[in-house]
C-alpha atoms as a PDB file:
ATOM      1  CA  MET A   1     -10.325 125.790  18.176  1.00  0.00           C
ATOM      2  CA  ASN A   2     -10.949 127.092  14.682  1.00  0.00           C
ATOM      3  CA  HIS A   3     -13.220 124.111  13.954  1.00  0.00           C
ATOM      4  CA  LEU A   4     -15.657 125.077  16.720  1.00  0.00           C
ATOM      5  CA  PRO A   5     -18.892 126.929  15.972  1.00  0.00           C
ATOM      6  CA  ASN A   6     -19.205 130.521  17.056  1.00  0.00           C
ATOM      7  CA  THR A   7     -22.645 130.125  18.621  1.00  0.00           C
ATOM      8  CA  MET A   8     -24.622 127.428  20.397  1.00  0.00           C
ATOM      9  CA  ARG A   9     -28.111 126.680  21.672  1.00  0.00           C
ATOM     10  CA  ALA A  10     -28.663 127.232  25.372  1.00  0.00           C
ATOM     11  CA  MET A  11     -31.585 127.423  27.752  1.00  0.00           C
ATOM     12  CA  LEU A  12     -31.125 130.840  29.308  1.00  0.00           C
ATOM     13  CA  LEU A  13     -32.478 132.087  32.630  1.00  0.00           C
ATOM     14  CA  GLU A  14     -32.882 135.857  32.868  1.00  0.00           C
ATOM     15  CA  ALA A  15     -34.471 138.232  35.355  1.00  0.00           C
ATOM     16  CA  SER A  16     -37.966 137.083  34.310  1.00  0.00           C
ATOM     17  CA  ARG A  17     -37.198 133.704  35.959  1.00  0.00           C
ATOM     18  CA  PHE A  18     -38.335 131.855  32.843  1.00  0.00           C
ATOM     19  CA  LEU A  19     -36.078 129.612  30.792  1.00  0.00           C
ATOM     20  CA  HIS A  20     -35.992 130.298  27.084  1.00  0.00           C
ATOM     21  CA  LEU A  21     -34.035 128.862  24.184  1.00  0.00           C
ATOM     22  CA  ALA A  22     -31.348 131.289  22.986  1.00  0.00           C
ATOM     23  CA  GLU A  23     -28.435 131.410  20.593  1.00  0.00           C
ATOM     24  CA  VAL A  24     -25.349 132.493  22.558  1.00  0.00           C
ATOM     25  CA  PRO A  25     -21.588 132.549  21.913  1.00  0.00           C
ATOM     26  CA  VAL A  26     -19.661 129.321  22.468  1.00  0.00           C
ATOM     27  CA  PRO A  27     -17.388 129.982  25.481  1.00  0.00           C
ATOM     28  CA  ARG A  28     -13.630 129.697  25.148  1.00  0.00           C
ATOM     29  CA  PRO A  29     -11.561 127.959  27.856  1.00  0.00           C
ATOM     30  CA  GLY A  30      -9.351 130.132  30.030  1.00  0.00           C
ATOM     31  CA  PRO A  31      -6.253 129.066  31.976  1.00  0.00           C
ATOM     32  CA  GLY A  32      -6.744 125.664  33.573  1.00  0.00           C
ATOM     33  CA  GLN A  33     -10.125 125.180  31.929  1.00  0.00           C
ATOM     34  CA  VAL A  34     -11.496 122.682  29.434  1.00  0.00           C
ATOM     35  CA  LEU A  35     -14.182 123.269  26.840  1.00  0.00           C
ATOM     36  CA  ILE A  36     -16.777 120.514  26.921  1.00  0.00           C
ATOM     37  CA  LYS A  37     -19.259 119.541  24.235  1.00  0.00           C
ATOM     38  CA  LEU A  38     -22.369 118.435  26.119  1.00  0.00           C
ATOM     39  CA  ARG A  39     -23.874 115.010  25.655  1.00  0.00           C
ATOM     40  CA  ALA A  40     -26.272 115.045  28.620  1.00  0.00           C
ATOM     41  CA  CYS A  41     -27.093 117.100  31.703  1.00  0.00           C
ATOM     42  CA  GLY A  42     -29.173 116.099  34.694  1.00  0.00           C
ATOM     43  CA  VAL A  43     -31.965 118.306  36.007  1.00  0.00           C
ATOM     44  CA  CYS A  44     -31.857 118.860  39.760  1.00  0.00           C
ATOM     45  CA  HIS A  45     -34.082 120.284  42.488  1.00  0.00           C
ATOM     46  CA  THR A  46     -31.369 122.894  42.983  1.00  0.00           C
ATOM     47  CA  ASP A  47     -32.062 124.131  39.445  1.00  0.00           C
ATOM     48  CA  LEU A  48     -35.700 124.457  40.482  1.00  0.00           C
ATOM     49  CA  HIS A  49     -34.777 126.399  43.627  1.00  0.00           C
ATOM     50  CA  ILE A  50     -32.756 128.828  41.480  1.00  0.00           C
ATOM     51  CA  VAL A  51     -35.580 129.348  38.976  1.00  0.00           C
ATOM     52  CA  ASP A  52     -38.120 129.808  41.766  1.00  0.00           C
ATOM     53  CA  GLY A  53     -35.948 132.420  43.508  1.00  0.00           C
ATOM     54  CA  GLU A  54     -35.339 130.321  46.618  1.00  0.00           C
ATOM     55  CA  LEU A  55     -31.553 130.518  46.158  1.00  0.00           C
ATOM     56  CA  PRO A  56     -30.440 134.157  46.094  1.00  0.00           C
ATOM     57  CA  ASN A  57     -28.216 136.094  43.721  1.00  0.00           C
ATOM     58  CA  PRO A  58     -27.570 133.715  40.853  1.00  0.00           C
ATOM     59  CA  LYS A  59     -25.444 134.943  37.992  1.00  0.00           C
ATOM     60  CA  LEU A  60     -27.866 136.420  35.455  1.00  0.00           C
ATOM     61  CA  PRO A  61     -28.280 135.734  32.639  1.00  0.00           C
ATOM     62  CA  LEU A  62     -27.508 132.148  33.597  1.00  0.00           C
ATOM     63  CA  ILE A  63     -27.226 128.746  31.973  1.00  0.00           C
ATOM     64  CA  LEU A  64     -28.384 126.245  34.605  1.00  0.00           C
ATOM     65  CA  GLY A  65     -27.247 122.645  35.007  1.00  0.00           C
ATOM     66  CA  HIS A  66     -24.627 120.948  37.170  1.00  0.00           C
ATOM     67  CA  GLN A  67     -24.834 117.246  36.302  1.00  0.00           C
ATOM     68  CA  ILE A  68     -22.817 117.544  33.122  1.00  0.00           C
ATOM     69  CA  VAL A  69     -21.595 114.739  30.893  1.00  0.00           C
ATOM     70  CA  GLY A  70     -19.615 115.649  27.815  1.00  0.00           C
ATOM     71  CA  GLU A  71     -16.495 115.389  25.710  1.00  0.00           C
ATOM     72  CA  VAL A  72     -13.440 117.605  26.077  1.00  0.00           C
ATOM     73  CA  VAL A  73     -13.002 119.403  22.763  1.00  0.00           C
ATOM     74  CA  ALA A  74     -10.403 122.032  23.699  1.00  0.00           C
ATOM     75  CA  CYS A  75      -8.028 122.841  26.565  1.00  0.00           C
ATOM     76  CA  GLY A  76      -7.099 126.272  27.841  1.00  0.00           C
ATOM     77  CA  PRO A  77      -3.558 127.377  28.727  1.00  0.00           C
ATOM     78  CA  GLY A  78      -2.012 125.094  31.343  1.00  0.00           C
ATOM     79  CA  ALA A  79      -4.852 122.573  31.264  1.00  0.00           C
ATOM     80  CA  GLU A  80      -3.151 119.190  30.984  1.00  0.00           C
ATOM     81  CA  ARG A  81      -5.280 116.763  33.028  1.00  0.00           C
ATOM     82  CA  PHE A  82      -7.534 115.681  30.156  1.00  0.00           C
ATOM     83  CA  GLN A  83      -6.992 115.146  26.458  1.00  0.00           C
ATOM     84  CA  THR A  84      -9.423 116.157  23.743  1.00  0.00           C
ATOM     85  CA  GLY A  85     -11.899 113.376  23.138  1.00  0.00           C
ATOM     86  CA  GLU A  86     -12.047 112.256  26.788  1.00  0.00           C
ATOM     87  CA  ARG A  87     -15.442 112.011  28.473  1.00  0.00           C
ATOM     88  CA  VAL A  88     -15.779 113.948  31.725  1.00  0.00           C
ATOM     89  CA  GLY A  89     -18.385 114.825  34.310  1.00  0.00           C
ATOM     90  CA  VAL A  90     -18.841 118.229  35.931  1.00  0.00           C
ATOM     91  CA  PRO A  91     -20.573 118.521  39.350  1.00  0.00           C
ATOM     92  CA  TRP A  92     -22.107 121.350  41.414  1.00  0.00           C
ATOM     93  CA  LEU A  93     -18.807 122.427  43.010  1.00  0.00           C
ATOM     94  CA  GLY A  94     -17.092 124.228  40.164  1.00  0.00           C
ATOM     95  CA  GLY A  95     -14.056 125.638  41.957  1.00  0.00           C
ATOM     96  CA  THR A  96     -12.575 126.826  45.246  1.00  0.00           C
ATOM     97  CA  ASP A  97     -10.004 129.418  46.279  1.00  0.00           C
ATOM     98  CA  GLY A  98      -7.750 126.749  47.842  1.00  0.00           C
ATOM     99  CA  THR A  99      -6.459 129.260  50.401  1.00  0.00           C
ATOM    100  CA  CYS A 100      -9.255 129.943  52.903  1.00  0.00           C
ATOM    101  CA  SER A 101      -9.312 128.254  56.294  1.00  0.00           C
ATOM    102  CA  ALA A 102     -11.922 125.701  55.171  1.00  0.00           C
ATOM    103  CA  CYS A 103      -9.843 124.654  52.177  1.00  0.00           C
ATOM    104  CA  GLN A 104      -6.738 124.438  54.341  1.00  0.00           C
ATOM    105  CA  ARG A 105      -8.634 122.110  56.716  1.00  0.00           C
ATOM    106  CA  GLY A 106      -9.507 119.844  53.805  1.00  0.00           C
ATOM    107  CA  GLN A 107     -13.129 121.032  53.763  1.00  0.00           C
ATOM    108  CA  GLU A 108     -13.265 122.446  50.266  1.00  0.00           C
ATOM    109  CA  ASN A 109     -17.049 122.005  50.239  1.00  0.00           C
ATOM    110  CA  LEU A 110     -17.158 124.860  52.795  1.00  0.00           C
ATOM    111  CA  CYS A 111     -14.833 127.192  50.856  1.00  0.00           C
ATOM    112  CA  ASP A 112     -15.348 130.893  51.530  1.00  0.00           C
ATOM    113  CA  HIS A 113     -15.108 131.822  47.837  1.00  0.00           C
ATOM    114  CA  PRO A 114     -16.439 128.885  45.800  1.00  0.00           C
ATOM    115  CA  THR A 115     -17.930 128.792  42.346  1.00  0.00           C
ATOM    116  CA  PHE A 116     -20.975 126.660  41.649  1.00  0.00           C
ATOM    117  CA  THR A 117     -21.769 125.176  38.277  1.00  0.00           C
ATOM    118  CA  GLY A 118     -25.056 126.448  36.889  1.00  0.00           C
ATOM    119  CA  TYR A 119     -25.423 129.050  39.651  1.00  0.00           C
ATOM    120  CA  THR A 120     -22.436 131.401  39.928  1.00  0.00           C
ATOM    121  CA  VAL A 121     -20.961 130.239  36.599  1.00  0.00           C
ATOM    122  CA  ASP A 122     -22.722 128.900  33.519  1.00  0.00           C
ATOM    123  CA  GLY A 123     -23.601 125.221  33.468  1.00  0.00           C
ATOM    124  CA  GLY A 124     -24.848 122.484  31.209  1.00  0.00           C
ATOM    125  CA  PHE A 125     -28.276 123.378  29.790  1.00  0.00           C
ATOM    126  CA  ALA A 126     -26.402 124.135  26.575  1.00  0.00           C
ATOM    127  CA  GLU A 127     -24.397 122.567  23.775  1.00  0.00           C
ATOM    128  CA  TYR A 128     -21.010 123.647  25.209  1.00  0.00           C
ATOM    129  CA  THR A 129     -19.620 124.749  28.553  1.00  0.00           C
ATOM    130  CA  VAL A 130     -16.253 125.475  30.167  1.00  0.00           C
ATOM    131  CA  ALA A 131     -15.091 124.028  33.488  1.00  0.00           C
ATOM    132  CA  ASP A 132     -12.063 124.053  35.768  1.00  0.00           C
ATOM    133  CA  GLU A 133     -10.302 120.805  34.907  1.00  0.00           C
ATOM    134  CA  ARG A 134      -9.396 120.204  38.570  1.00  0.00           C
ATOM    135  CA  PHE A 135     -13.088 119.830  39.426  1.00  0.00           C
ATOM    136  CA  CYS A 136     -14.027 117.498  36.567  1.00  0.00           C
ATOM    137  CA  PHE A 137     -14.235 113.734  36.943  1.00  0.00           C
ATOM    138  CA  PRO A 138     -13.432 110.910  34.545  1.00  0.00           C
ATOM    139  CA  LEU A 139     -16.575 108.804  34.320  1.00  0.00           C
ATOM    140  CA  PRO A 140     -16.933 105.032  34.709  1.00  0.00           C
ATOM    141  CA  PRO A 141     -17.133 103.439  31.251  1.00  0.00           C
ATOM    142  CA  ALA A 142     -19.928 101.146  32.460  1.00  0.00           C
ATOM    143  CA  TYR A 143     -22.373 104.072  32.246  1.00  0.00           C
ATOM    144  CA  GLU A 144     -23.852 105.569  29.107  1.00  0.00           C
ATOM    145  CA  ASP A 145     -24.051 109.368  28.998  1.00  0.00           C
ATOM    146  CA  ILE A 146     -27.689 109.545  30.094  1.00  0.00           C
ATOM    147  CA  GLU A 147     -27.040 107.046  32.895  1.00  0.00           C
ATOM    148  CA  ALA A 148     -23.981 108.918  34.188  1.00  0.00           C
ATOM    149  CA  ALA A 149     -25.593 112.361  34.505  1.00  0.00           C
ATOM    150  CA  PRO A 150     -27.647 111.728  37.690  1.00  0.00           C
ATOM    151  CA  LEU A 151     -24.581 110.340  39.442  1.00  0.00           C
ATOM    152  CA  LEU A 152     -22.993 113.808  39.422  1.00  0.00           C
ATOM    153  CA  CYS A 153     -25.352 115.429  41.920  1.00  0.00           C
ATOM    154  CA  ALA A 154     -28.173 113.129  42.985  1.00  0.00           C
ATOM    155  CA  GLY A 155     -25.498 110.467  43.401  1.00  0.00           C
ATOM    156  CA  LEU A 156     -22.691 112.564  44.855  1.00  0.00           C
ATOM    157  CA  ILE A 157     -24.792 114.606  47.290  1.00  0.00           C
ATOM    158  CA  GLY A 158     -26.760 111.499  48.179  1.00  0.00           C
ATOM    159  CA  TYR A 159     -23.500 109.691  48.904  1.00  0.00           C
ATOM    160  CA  ARG A 160     -22.175 112.483  51.121  1.00  0.00           C
ATOM    161  CA  THR A 161     -25.504 112.608  52.981  1.00  0.00           C
ATOM    162  CA  TYR A 162     -25.427 108.844  53.480  1.00  0.00           C
ATOM    163  CA  ARG A 163     -21.851 108.867  54.786  1.00  0.00           C
ATOM    164  CA  MET A 164     -22.758 111.660  57.237  1.00  0.00           C
ATOM    165  CA  ALA A 165     -25.172 109.251  58.933  1.00  0.00           C
ATOM    166  CA  GLY A 166     -22.175 107.422  60.403  1.00  0.00           C
ATOM    167  CA  ASP A 167     -20.745 103.924  60.403  1.00  0.00           C
ATOM    168  CA  HIS A 168     -23.026 102.202  62.906  1.00  0.00           C
ATOM    169  CA  VAL A 169     -26.286 102.283  60.978  1.00  0.00           C
ATOM    170  CA  GLU A 170     -28.412  99.209  60.329  1.00  0.00           C
ATOM    171  CA  ARG A 171     -31.874 100.778  60.106  1.00  0.00           C
ATOM    172  CA  LEU A 172     -31.904 103.770  57.755  1.00  0.00           C
ATOM    173  CA  GLY A 173     -34.831 106.101  57.098  1.00  0.00           C
ATOM    174  CA  ILE A 174     -35.060 108.084  53.865  1.00  0.00           C
ATOM    175  CA  TYR A 175     -37.514 110.994  53.653  1.00  0.00           C
ATOM    176  CA  GLY A 176     -38.354 112.137  50.137  1.00  0.00           C
ATOM    177  CA  PHE A 177     -37.796 109.276  47.719  1.00  0.00           C
ATOM    178  CA  GLY A 178     -36.675 110.991  44.518  1.00  0.00           C
ATOM    179  CA  ALA A 179     -33.521 111.148  42.441  1.00  0.00           C
ATOM    180  CA  ALA A 180     -30.930 111.120  45.249  1.00  0.00           C
ATOM    181  CA  ALA A 181     -32.852 108.681  47.432  1.00  0.00           C
ATOM    182  CA  HIS A 182     -33.375 105.992  44.813  1.00  0.00           C
ATOM    183  CA  LEU A 183     -29.655 106.007  44.004  1.00  0.00           C
ATOM    184  CA  ILE A 184     -28.332 105.968  47.540  1.00  0.00           C
ATOM    185  CA  ALA A 185     -30.869 103.351  48.627  1.00  0.00           C
ATOM    186  CA  GLN A 186     -29.133 100.978  46.229  1.00  0.00           C
ATOM    187  CA  VAL A 187     -25.797 101.689  47.919  1.00  0.00           C
ATOM    188  CA  ALA A 188     -27.314 101.223  51.386  1.00  0.00           C
ATOM    189  CA  LYS A 189     -28.901  97.925  50.353  1.00  0.00           C
ATOM    190  CA  TYR A 190     -25.571  96.781  48.872  1.00  0.00           C
ATOM    191  CA  GLU A 191     -23.973  97.507  52.252  1.00  0.00           C
ATOM    192  CA  GLY A 192     -26.593  95.482  54.136  1.00  0.00           C
ATOM    193  CA  LYS A 193     -28.820  98.215  55.586  1.00  0.00           C
ATOM    194  CA  ARG A 194     -32.565  97.949  56.186  1.00  0.00           C
ATOM    195  CA  ILE A 195     -34.261 100.858  54.463  1.00  0.00           C
ATOM    196  CA  TYR A 196     -37.451 102.646  55.498  1.00  0.00           C
ATOM    197  CA  ALA A 197     -38.818 105.079  52.904  1.00  0.00           C
ATOM    198  CA  PHE A 198     -41.117 107.995  53.727  1.00  0.00           C
ATOM    199  CA  THR A 199     -43.181 109.824  51.104  1.00  0.00           C
ATOM    200  CA  ARG A 200     -45.926 112.412  50.950  1.00  0.00           C
ATOM    201  CA  PRO A 201     -49.004 111.093  52.768  1.00  0.00           C
ATOM    202  CA  GLY A 202     -51.040 108.910  50.451  1.00  0.00           C
ATOM    203  CA  ASP A 203     -48.480 108.842  47.619  1.00  0.00           C
ATOM    204  CA  ARG A 204     -48.788 105.145  46.858  1.00  0.00           C
ATOM    205  CA  ALA A 205     -46.930 105.462  43.557  1.00  0.00           C
ATOM    206  CA  ALA A 206     -43.853 106.904  45.284  1.00  0.00           C
ATOM    207  CA  GLN A 207     -44.037 104.215  47.953  1.00  0.00           C
ATOM    208  CA  GLU A 208     -44.150 101.485  45.327  1.00  0.00           C
ATOM    209  CA  PHE A 209     -41.227 103.163  43.561  1.00  0.00           C
ATOM    210  CA  ALA A 210     -39.265 103.050  46.832  1.00  0.00           C
ATOM    211  CA  LEU A 211     -40.011  99.364  47.339  1.00  0.00           C
ATOM    212  CA  GLN A 212     -38.827  98.650  43.792  1.00  0.00           C
ATOM    213  CA  HIS A 213     -35.501 100.385  44.541  1.00  0.00           C
ATOM    214  CA  GLY A 214     -34.475  98.649  47.722  1.00  0.00           C
ATOM    215  CA  ALA A 215     -36.749  99.865  50.512  1.00  0.00           C
ATOM    216  CA  ASP A 216     -37.834  97.206  53.004  1.00  0.00           C
ATOM    217  CA  TRP A 217     -40.811  99.325  54.070  1.00  0.00           C
ATOM    218  CA  ALA A 218     -42.489 102.426  52.647  1.00  0.00           C
ATOM    219  CA  GLY A 219     -45.112 104.671  54.193  1.00  0.00           C
ATOM    220  CA  ASP A 220     -46.325 108.200  54.822  1.00  0.00           C
ATOM    221  CA  SER A 221     -43.882 110.755  56.244  1.00  0.00           C
ATOM    222  CA  THR A 222     -46.218 111.299  59.204  1.00  0.00           C
ATOM    223  CA  THR A 223     -46.142 107.593  60.114  1.00  0.00           C
ATOM    224  CA  LYS A 224     -43.744 105.920  62.515  1.00  0.00           C
ATOM    225  CA  PRO A 225     -41.696 103.110  60.980  1.00  0.00           C
ATOM    226  CA  PRO A 226     -42.133  99.554  62.286  1.00  0.00           C
ATOM    227  CA  GLU A 227     -38.845  99.829  64.194  1.00  0.00           C
ATOM    228  CA  THR A 228     -36.734 102.657  65.552  1.00  0.00           C
ATOM    229  CA  LEU A 229     -34.203 104.078  63.093  1.00  0.00           C
ATOM    230  CA  ASP A 230     -30.473 104.439  63.647  1.00  0.00           C
ATOM    231  CA  ALA A 231     -30.360 107.410  61.252  1.00  0.00           C
ATOM    232  CA  ALA A 232     -32.532 109.310  58.814  1.00  0.00           C
ATOM    233  CA  LEU A 233     -31.688 111.117  55.584  1.00  0.00           C
ATOM    234  CA  ILE A 234     -33.920 113.978  54.432  1.00  0.00           C
ATOM    235  CA  PHE A 235     -33.947 114.801  50.732  1.00  0.00           C
ATOM    236  CA  ALA A 236     -37.315 116.577  50.501  1.00  0.00           C
ATOM    237  CA  PRO A 237     -36.998 120.357  51.122  1.00  0.00           C
ATOM    238  CA  VAL A 238     -39.609 120.302  53.897  1.00  0.00           C
ATOM    239  CA  GLY A 239     -38.473 121.514  57.304  1.00  0.00           C
ATOM    240  CA  ALA A 240     -41.269 119.719  59.163  1.00  0.00           C
ATOM    241  CA  LEU A 241     -39.682 116.405  58.194  1.00  0.00           C
ATOM    242  CA  VAL A 242     -36.790 117.130  60.558  1.00  0.00           C
ATOM    243  CA  VAL A 243     -39.214 116.898  63.460  1.00  0.00           C
ATOM    244  CA  GLU A 244     -40.774 113.688  62.120  1.00  0.00           C
ATOM    245  CA  ALA A 245     -37.332 112.149  61.650  1.00  0.00           C
ATOM    246  CA  LEU A 246     -36.271 113.050  65.195  1.00  0.00           C
ATOM    247  CA  LYS A 247     -39.336 111.200  66.468  1.00  0.00           C
ATOM    248  CA  ALA A 248     -38.271 108.124  64.514  1.00  0.00           C
ATOM    249  CA  VAL A 249     -34.563 107.839  65.405  1.00  0.00           C
ATOM    250  CA  ARG A 250     -33.114 106.125  68.459  1.00  0.00           C
ATOM    251  CA  LYS A 251     -31.106 107.706  71.264  1.00  0.00           C
ATOM    252  CA  GLY A 252     -27.816 108.893  69.768  1.00  0.00           C
ATOM    253  CA  GLY A 253     -29.294 108.720  66.254  1.00  0.00           C
ATOM    254  CA  THR A 254     -28.545 111.188  63.473  1.00  0.00           C
ATOM    255  CA  VAL A 255     -30.816 113.152  61.142  1.00  0.00           C
ATOM    256  CA  VAL A 256     -28.999 114.403  58.026  1.00  0.00           C
ATOM    257  CA  CYS A 257     -30.503 117.148  55.853  1.00  0.00           C
ATOM    258  CA  GLY A 258     -29.239 116.583  52.312  1.00  0.00           C
ATOM    259  CA  GLY A 259     -30.679 119.583  50.455  1.00  0.00           C
ATOM    260  CA  ILE A 260     -29.225 122.992  49.716  1.00  0.00           C
ATOM    261  CA  HIS A 261     -32.585 124.622  50.507  1.00  0.00           C
ATOM    262  CA  MET A 262     -35.294 123.712  52.998  1.00  0.00           C
ATOM    263  CA  SER A 263     -38.398 125.399  54.334  1.00  0.00           C
ATOM    264  CA  ASP A 264     -38.301 126.568  57.950  1.00  0.00           C
ATOM    265  CA  ILE A 265     -38.021 123.885  60.620  1.00  0.00           C
ATOM    266  CA  PRO A 266     -40.933 124.284  63.046  1.00  0.00           C
ATOM    267  CA  ALA A 267     -40.380 124.586  66.783  1.00  0.00           C
ATOM    268  CA  PHE A 268     -40.179 121.268  68.595  1.00  0.00           C
ATOM    269  CA  SER A 269     -39.758 119.955  72.111  1.00  0.00           C
ATOM    270  CA  TYR A 270     -36.197 119.666  73.377  1.00  0.00           C
ATOM    271  CA  SER A 271     -37.049 116.122  74.422  1.00  0.00           C
ATOM    272  CA  LEU A 272     -36.887 115.083  70.739  1.00  0.00           C
ATOM    273  CA  LEU A 273     -33.282 116.258  70.509  1.00  0.00           C
ATOM    274  CA  TRP A 274     -32.226 115.118  73.953  1.00  0.00           C
ATOM    275  CA  GLU A 275     -30.400 111.815  74.491  1.00  0.00           C
ATOM    276  CA  GLU A 276     -27.663 112.906  72.110  1.00  0.00           C
ATOM    277  CA  ARG A 277     -29.653 112.873  68.910  1.00  0.00           C
ATOM    278  CA  VAL A 278     -27.932 114.904  66.181  1.00  0.00           C
ATOM    279  CA  ILE A 279     -29.232 117.122  63.363  1.00  0.00           C
ATOM    280  CA  ARG A 280     -26.712 118.005  60.674  1.00  0.00           C
ATOM    281  CA  SER A 281     -26.708 119.433  57.172  1.00  0.00           C
ATOM    282  CA  VAL A 282     -24.738 118.628  54.054  1.00  0.00           C
ATOM    283  CA  ALA A 283     -23.154 121.453  52.083  1.00  0.00           C
ATOM    284  CA  ASN A 284     -21.977 120.801  48.543  1.00  0.00           C
ATOM    285  CA  LEU A 285     -19.428 118.018  48.003  1.00  0.00           C
ATOM    286  CA  THR A 286     -15.705 117.399  47.879  1.00  0.00           C
ATOM    287  CA  ARG A 287     -13.700 115.889  45.063  1.00  0.00           C
ATOM    288  CA  ARG A 288     -12.981 112.957  47.346  1.00  0.00           C
ATOM    289  CA  ASP A 289     -16.747 112.288  47.554  1.00  0.00           C
ATOM    290  CA  GLY A 290     -16.828 112.179  43.776  1.00  0.00           C
ATOM    291  CA  GLU A 291     -13.878 109.846  43.437  1.00  0.00           C
ATOM    292  CA  GLU A 292     -15.240 107.442  46.072  1.00  0.00           C
ATOM    293  CA  PHE A 293     -18.781 107.326  44.749  1.00  0.00           C
ATOM    294  CA  LEU A 294     -17.867 107.010  41.076  1.00  0.00           C
ATOM    295  CA  ALA A 295     -15.611 104.069  41.991  1.00  0.00           C
ATOM    296  CA  LEU A 296     -18.340 102.450  44.106  1.00  0.00           C
ATOM    297  CA  ALA A 297     -21.319 102.969  41.767  1.00  0.00           C
ATOM    298  CA  PRO A 298     -20.337 100.377  39.127  1.00  0.00           C
ATOM    299  CA  ARG A 299     -19.706  97.761  41.808  1.00  0.00           C
ATOM    300  CA  VAL A 300     -23.213  97.995  43.296  1.00  0.00           C
ATOM    301  CA  PRO A 301     -24.187  98.631  40.447  1.00  0.00           C
ATOM    302  CA  VAL A 302     -26.163 101.850  40.947  1.00  0.00           C
ATOM    303  CA  LYS A 303     -28.807 102.273  38.244  1.00  0.00           C
ATOM    304  CA  ALA A 304     -30.913 105.398  37.882  1.00  0.00           C
ATOM    305  CA  GLN A 305     -34.501 105.424  36.698  1.00  0.00           C
ATOM    306  CA  ILE A 306     -34.454 108.230  34.181  1.00  0.00           C
ATOM    307  CA  GLN A 307     -36.937 110.370  32.291  1.00  0.00           C
ATOM    308  CA  VAL A 308     -35.262 111.934  29.247  1.00  0.00           C
ATOM    309  CA  PHE A 309     -36.102 115.374  27.835  1.00  0.00           C
ATOM    310  CA  PRO A 310     -34.620 117.299  24.900  1.00  0.00           C
ATOM    311  CA  LEU A 311     -32.674 120.473  25.692  1.00  0.00           C
ATOM    312  CA  GLU A 312     -35.500 122.781  24.644  1.00  0.00           C
ATOM    313  CA  GLU A 313     -37.853 121.108  27.162  1.00  0.00           C
ATOM    314  CA  ALA A 314     -35.703 121.941  30.206  1.00  0.00           C
ATOM    315  CA  GLY A 315     -38.439 124.224  31.543  1.00  0.00           C
ATOM    316  CA  TYR A 316     -41.017 121.470  31.182  1.00  0.00           C
ATOM    317  CA  ALA A 317     -38.715 119.055  33.014  1.00  0.00           C
ATOM    318  CA  LEU A 318     -38.566 121.519  35.907  1.00  0.00           C
ATOM    319  CA  ASP A 319     -42.376 121.815  35.864  1.00  0.00           C
ATOM    320  CA  VAL A 320     -42.716 118.030  36.131  1.00  0.00           C
ATOM    321  CA  MET A 321     -40.276 118.062  39.042  1.00  0.00           C
ATOM    322  CA  ARG A 322     -42.143 120.912  40.719  1.00  0.00           C
ATOM    323  CA  SER A 323     -45.402 118.978  40.483  1.00  0.00           C
ATOM    324  CA  GLY A 324     -43.918 116.022  42.372  1.00  0.00           C
ATOM    325  CA  LYS A 325     -44.804 113.667  39.515  1.00  0.00           C
ATOM    326  CA  LEU A 326     -41.228 112.724  38.635  1.00  0.00           C
ATOM    327  CA  ASN A 327     -40.074 109.344  39.893  1.00  0.00           C
ATOM    328  CA  GLY A 328     -36.316 109.021  39.617  1.00  0.00           C
ATOM    329  CA  ALA A 329     -34.111 111.480  37.749  1.00  0.00           C
ATOM    330  CA  ALA A 330     -34.666 113.884  34.840  1.00  0.00           C
ATOM    331  CA  VAL A 331     -31.924 114.202  32.235  1.00  0.00           C
ATOM    332  CA  LEU A 332     -31.579 116.447  29.190  1.00  0.00           C
ATOM    333  CA  GLN A 333     -30.202 114.644  26.161  1.00  0.00           C
ATOM    334  CA  ILE A 334     -28.146 117.219  24.306  1.00  0.00           C
ATOM    335  CA  ALA A 335     -26.008 115.233  21.870  1.00  0.00           C
ATOM    336  CA  SER A 336     -25.460 111.553  21.150  1.00  0.00           C
ATOM    337  CA  THR A 337     -22.084 109.840  21.083  1.00  0.00           C
END
């Protein structure tokens, strides 16, 4: 590791809740870890929730970012899964204890003592990062670095949310048509579903975006779709959409909340839940989700619409996301191949 620089550029979040460009030490990999030179890192709504204080107790100071694409440049003691020079992806779930009851049940996404990339440990808004090699993924060669980054959260969490809807779904509603939705809509279309997209009332641009990415119908979130839905996926962090989705799904239908944070769900009549309708949430992801989705994505093929920003404009990228003016996914380009 003597050839590595001692310092690197990173966008640092401190107690002020503002990102700023800083020069910080290059981390060194510990046991079972790999050191990754960043090529690209996706920008996620979860990053925005952390900056805005909606997710509590982040590690501070913190380097955000959990849709990491980069090259392994060094391996720590005992790390043997990847060789230097290999391209890997790093997702939100950065590690688990492997011993708690959830892990023993095969539900590592519900681990009692997890680490989360770009939240409890430093992430990818930087030139280098370290990661537990067990929670890194080899990436499909069909995707360039910028193209691969959104697959690692928008894709993976979207995929888990979609699978939670169940196997007997023909008519699928998607509320909040952003990064995750426009990726998973392509998977749903590939699998023969009819897709109904719901956006902010009057957002014609978002509705057109949805129609361009596989939706059969697009309309306001307060509008009933032309036919009853078998299931609905909610990606917008708006609790009131749970009630709207319940109104739209059939008896026995499922509403899946795909975000890590959501505003309060307003009170609603029990009659909306009755007849065995189901509301469920998605927490994090498992490595199996990653393996399945990254194998499926090139077959579809899933293609992200991407807006690229340089590392030093990470804060601006979050502002664009906050404004609701971002269609598709935001990605920081950190280094070229």
